[in-house]
Amino acid sequence: MIDVHPLGPLTSLAESSVFEQLSSNPSEKLQLPAISELPPPIQAQTYVYEAPMSDLKPNLWAFDEFVRNNAWKWI
C-alpha cells in the first residue's frame, strides 16, 4: 500500500473527466494542481512489474481502449 493524492472525487472510470479528456485527446497532458491544493492522501494498492524488461513493448496506447479492453483486469 502507498499514499496517493486523489486528483478529484473518486468516481467510476466511465464518469471521470480524466477519462473524457484523455479519450478525446490522448496526447494532451493533464493540468495538475499545486501539491498544496491537493486533498489529503489516501491508501492505494500498487502493481509492481517483475517480468523481464524485454517483455515490455514501446507501443502507444489509448486510455479509452485500455478502459474498454483491460481495466476489468485491474479492478
C-alpha atoms as a PDB file:
ATOM      1  CA  MET A   1       0.000   0.000   0.000  1.00  0.00           C
ATOM      2  CA  ILE A   2       1.120   3.526  -0.760  1.00  0.00           C
ATOM      3  CA  ASP A   3      -0.254   7.015  -0.097  1.00  0.00           C
ATOM      4  CA  VAL A   4      -1.657   8.858  -3.132  1.00  0.00           C
ATOM      5  CA  HIS A   5      -3.361  12.225  -3.534  1.00  0.00           C
ATOM      6  CA  PRO A   6      -6.686  11.991  -5.403  1.00  0.00           C
ATOM      7  CA  LEU A   7      -6.904  14.472  -8.273  1.00  0.00           C
ATOM      8  CA  GLY A   8     -10.666  14.701  -7.891  1.00  0.00           C
ATOM      9  CA  PRO A   9     -13.632  12.882  -6.392  1.00  0.00           C
ATOM     10  CA  LEU A  10     -13.476   9.103  -6.621  1.00  0.00           C
ATOM     11  CA  THR A  11     -15.838   8.095  -9.423  1.00  0.00           C
ATOM     12  CA  SER A  12     -16.118   5.275 -11.906  1.00  0.00           C
ATOM     13  CA  LEU A  13     -13.781   5.489 -14.891  1.00  0.00           C
ATOM     14  CA  ALA A  14     -16.748   5.902 -17.222  1.00  0.00           C
ATOM     15  CA  GLU A  15     -17.877   9.034 -15.328  1.00  0.00           C
ATOM     16  CA  SER A  16     -14.414  10.542 -14.864  1.00  0.00           C
ATOM     17  CA  SER A  17     -13.458  13.845 -16.501  1.00  0.00           C
ATOM     18  CA  VAL A  18      -9.936  12.405 -16.795  1.00  0.00           C
ATOM     19  CA  PHE A  19     -11.370   9.643 -18.981  1.00  0.00           C
ATOM     20  CA  GLU A  20     -13.165  12.203 -21.166  1.00  0.00           C
ATOM     21  CA  GLN A  21     -10.066  14.374 -21.513  1.00  0.00           C
ATOM     22  CA  LEU A  22      -7.714  11.512 -22.371  1.00  0.00           C
ATOM     23  CA  SER A  23     -10.119   9.751 -24.693  1.00  0.00           C
ATOM     24  CA  SER A  24     -10.709  12.941 -26.689  1.00  0.00           C
ATOM     25  CA  ASN A  25      -7.000  13.821 -26.901  1.00  0.00           C
ATOM     26  CA  PRO A  26      -4.702  11.070 -25.508  1.00  0.00           C
ATOM     27  CA  SER A  27      -1.532  13.066 -26.170  1.00  0.00           C
ATOM     28  CA  GLU A  28      -2.721  16.055 -24.113  1.00  0.00           C
ATOM     29  CA  LYS A  29      -1.143  16.311 -20.654  1.00  0.00           C
ATOM     30  CA  LEU A  30      -3.361  16.753 -17.630  1.00  0.00           C
ATOM     31  CA  GLN A  31      -3.011  20.009 -15.724  1.00  0.00           C
ATOM     32  CA  LEU A  32      -2.147  19.065 -12.148  1.00  0.00           C
ATOM     33  CA  PRO A  33      -2.872  21.353  -9.200  1.00  0.00           C
ATOM     34  CA  ALA A  34      -0.091  22.507  -6.871  1.00  0.00           C
ATOM     35  CA  ILE A  35       0.653  19.922  -4.170  1.00  0.00           C
ATOM     36  CA  SER A  36      -0.613  22.358  -1.533  1.00  0.00           C
ATOM     37  CA  GLU A  37      -4.030  22.315  -3.256  1.00  0.00           C
ATOM     38  CA  LEU A  38      -4.371  18.520  -3.355  1.00  0.00           C
ATOM     39  CA  PRO A  39      -6.713  16.699  -0.968  1.00  0.00           C
ATOM     40  CA  PRO A  40      -5.192  14.581   1.829  1.00  0.00           C
ATOM     41  CA  PRO A  41      -3.575  11.320   0.671  1.00  0.00           C
ATOM     42  CA  ILE A  42      -5.433   8.016   0.708  1.00  0.00           C
ATOM     43  CA  GLN A  43      -4.092   4.459   0.728  1.00  0.00           C
ATOM     44  CA  ALA A  44      -3.880   2.691  -2.633  1.00  0.00           C
ATOM     45  CA  GLN A  45      -2.587  -0.608  -3.928  1.00  0.00           C
ATOM     46  CA  THR A  46       0.189  -0.700  -6.492  1.00  0.00           C
ATOM     47  CA  TYR A  47       1.310  -3.061  -9.194  1.00  0.00           C
ATOM     48  CA  VAL A  48       4.995  -3.933  -9.417  1.00  0.00           C
ATOM     49  CA  TYR A  49       6.167  -5.198 -12.807  1.00  0.00           C
ATOM     50  CA  GLU A  50       8.596  -8.074 -12.242  1.00  0.00           C
ATOM     51  CA  ALA A  51       8.879  -9.649 -15.696  1.00  0.00           C
ATOM     52  CA  PRO A  52      11.937  -9.002 -17.862  1.00  0.00           C
ATOM     53  CA  MET A  53      12.128  -5.510 -19.364  1.00  0.00           C
ATOM     54  CA  SER A  54      12.434  -7.173 -22.773  1.00  0.00           C
ATOM     55  CA  ASP A  55       8.748  -8.182 -22.423  1.00  0.00           C
ATOM     56  CA  LEU A  56       7.661  -4.526 -22.483  1.00  0.00           C
ATOM     57  CA  LYS A  57       6.660  -3.106 -25.850  1.00  0.00           C
ATOM     58  CA  PRO A  58       7.222   0.579 -26.722  1.00  0.00           C
ATOM     59  CA  ASN A  59       3.780   0.923 -28.327  1.00  0.00           C
ATOM     60  CA  LEU A  60       1.492   3.909 -27.886  1.00  0.00           C
ATOM     61  CA  TRP A  61      -1.851   3.093 -26.320  1.00  0.00           C
ATOM     62  CA  ALA A  62      -5.086   4.980 -25.784  1.00  0.00           C
ATOM     63  CA  PHE A  63      -6.671   5.299 -22.357  1.00  0.00           C
ATOM     64  CA  ASP A  64     -10.189   4.641 -23.672  1.00  0.00           C
ATOM     65  CA  GLU A  65      -9.006   1.384 -25.295  1.00  0.00           C
ATOM     66  CA  PHE A  66      -7.347   0.352 -22.027  1.00  0.00           C
ATOM     67  CA  VAL A  67     -10.569   1.008 -20.104  1.00  0.00           C
ATOM     68  CA  ARG A  68     -12.697  -0.822 -22.672  1.00  0.00           C
ATOM     69  CA  ASN A  69     -10.400  -3.858 -23.085  1.00  0.00           C
ATOM     70  CA  ASN A  70      -8.283  -4.209 -19.948  1.00  0.00           C
ATOM     71  CA  ALA A  71      -9.483  -2.150 -16.977  1.00  0.00           C
ATOM     72  CA  TRP A  72     -11.619  -5.043 -15.701  1.00  0.00           C
ATOM     73  CA  LYS A  73      -8.378  -6.968 -15.051  1.00  0.00           C
ATOM     74  CA  TRP A  74      -7.197  -4.288 -12.601  1.00  0.00           C
ATOM     75  CA  ILE A  75     -10.344  -3.840 -10.533  1.00  0.00           C
END
